[in-house]
Protein backbone atom coordinates (compact mmCIF):
# COMPACT_ATOMS: atom_id res chain seq x y z
CA MET A 1 0.30 -0.16 0.53
CA ALA A 2 3.04 2.18 0.94
CA GLU A 3 4.29 1.74 -2.26
CA GLU A 4 0.96 3.17 -3.90
CA LEU A 5 1.25 6.46 -2.27
CA ARG A 6 3.80 8.42 -3.53
CA VAL A 7 3.47 12.49 -4.77
CA LEU A 8 5.36 12.92 -8.43
CA SER A 9 7.98 13.26 -8.40
CA GLY A 10 7.00 16.76 -11.52
CA LEU A 11 3.68 17.33 -9.61
CA LYS A 12 4.56 20.50 -7.17
CA ASN A 13 6.67 21.91 -10.51
CA LYS A 14 3.58 20.95 -13.19
CA PHE A 15 1.37 23.94 -10.55
CA ALA A 16 4.69 26.44 -10.34
CA HIS A 17 4.08 28.01 -13.81
CA TYR A 18 0.93 29.13 -12.39
CA GLU A 19 2.19 31.24 -9.71
CA ASP A 20 4.10 33.70 -12.84
CA TYR A 21 1.28 33.70 -14.76
CA GLU A 22 -1.00 35.23 -11.52
CA ARG A 23 2.21 37.30 -11.75
CA CYS A 24 1.72 38.65 -14.29
CA LEU A 25 -1.86 39.36 -14.63
CA ALA A 26 -1.41 40.89 -11.56
CA GLU A 27 1.47 43.41 -13.82
CA LEU A 28 -1.13 43.26 -16.54
CA ASN A 29 -3.98 44.62 -14.02
CA ARG A 30 -1.31 47.84 -12.94
CA SER A 31 -1.33 48.63 -15.84
CA ILE A 32 -5.17 48.50 -17.31
CA LEU A 33 -5.54 50.27 -14.35
CA GLU A 34 -3.15 53.34 -15.83
CA ILE A 35 -4.61 53.17 -18.38
CA ASN A 36 -8.16 53.50 -17.72
CA ARG A 37 -6.97 56.18 -14.65
CA ILE A 38 -5.50 58.64 -18.40
CA ASN A 39 -8.14 57.39 -19.89
CA LYS A 40 -10.97 59.49 -17.79
CA LEU A 41 -8.80 62.56 -17.51
CA SER A 42 -8.30 62.42 -20.62
CA GLY A 43 -11.14 62.53 -23.01
CA GLY A 44 -11.73 65.45 -21.72
CA GLN A 45 -16.12 66.74 -21.69
CA ASP A 46 -16.77 67.88 -24.36
CA PRO A 47 -19.31 65.94 -27.56
CA ILE A 48 -15.93 64.66 -29.04
CA GLY A 49 -14.62 63.52 -24.94
CA LYS A 50 -18.00 61.80 -24.25
CA THR A 51 -18.15 60.16 -28.33
CA TYR A 52 -14.73 59.00 -26.65
CA HIS A 53 -15.50 57.41 -23.06
CA GLU A 54 -18.86 56.10 -25.24
CA GLN A 55 -17.08 54.25 -27.42
CA VAL A 56 -14.16 53.51 -24.44
CA ASP A 57 -14.95 53.53 -20.89
CA LYS A 58 -16.90 50.07 -21.21
CA PRO A 59 -15.13 47.82 -23.08
CA THR A 60 -12.43 48.37 -20.92
CA GLU A 61 -13.58 48.09 -18.26
CA ASN A 62 -15.16 44.49 -19.84
CA LEU A 63 -10.98 43.82 -20.44
CA THR A 64 -10.70 44.73 -16.26
CA GLN A 65 -12.76 42.70 -14.79
CA THR A 66 -11.77 39.73 -16.99
CA VAL A 67 -8.71 39.90 -16.18
CA ALA A 68 -9.48 40.26 -12.62
CA TYR A 69 -11.37 37.55 -12.97
CA ILE A 70 -8.10 34.91 -15.02
CA ARG A 71 -6.46 36.08 -11.84
CA LYS A 72 -8.61 34.75 -9.67
CA ARG A 73 -9.47 31.12 -10.94
CA LEU A 74 -5.84 31.15 -11.27
CA GLY A 75 -5.28 31.33 -7.48
CA SER A 76 -7.27 29.73 -7.12
CA VAL A 77 -4.98 26.27 -8.86
CA VAL A 78 -2.30 27.49 -6.65
CA GLU A 79 -3.80 27.55 -3.96
CA GLY A 80 -5.15 23.79 -4.94
CA GLY A 81 -2.14 22.39 -6.23
CA ASN A 82 -0.39 23.50 -3.65
CA GLU A 83 -3.13 21.98 -1.30
CA THR A 84 -2.31 18.66 -3.11
CA VAL A 85 0.98 18.28 -3.13
CA ASN A 86 0.86 18.93 0.47
CA THR A 87 -2.18 16.45 1.39
CA MET A 88 0.28 13.86 -1.09
CA ASN A 89 3.77 14.57 0.42
CA ASN A 90 1.89 13.96 3.91
CA ALA A 91 -0.13 10.58 3.24
CA ASN A 92 3.62 9.50 1.75
CA GLU A 93 5.01 10.80 4.30
CA GLU A 94 2.44 9.53 7.17
CA SER A 95 2.36 5.52 4.97
CA GLY A 96 6.27 5.51 5.40
CA GLN A 97 5.26 5.95 9.54
CA VAL A 98 2.76 2.67 9.95
CA VAL A 99 4.37 0.75 7.79
CA GLU A 100 7.92 1.74 9.68
CA THR A 101 6.01 -0.23 12.57
CA PHE A 102 5.50 -3.31 11.32
């Protein structure tokens, strides 16, 4: 039984890149927020500025929400992956201890 409860040697590595993706999305989110801030200040409130905002504000808001959603989901994958690795490592250690007592 103990031989079956082994953590795949690369399991933790399989989830490692998700943390990188999450960091990249965080940087992208900061850039988008800065672009949105500048956009709000730049368009103006004259008729041309209002037309500009009607065309641009909603899509950039949607982009911001989409990036935030993806980042949140990647965070869940990272968290779940880390919990899986920890669970498997603990199970592996416990099974080794049980085998030693026999």
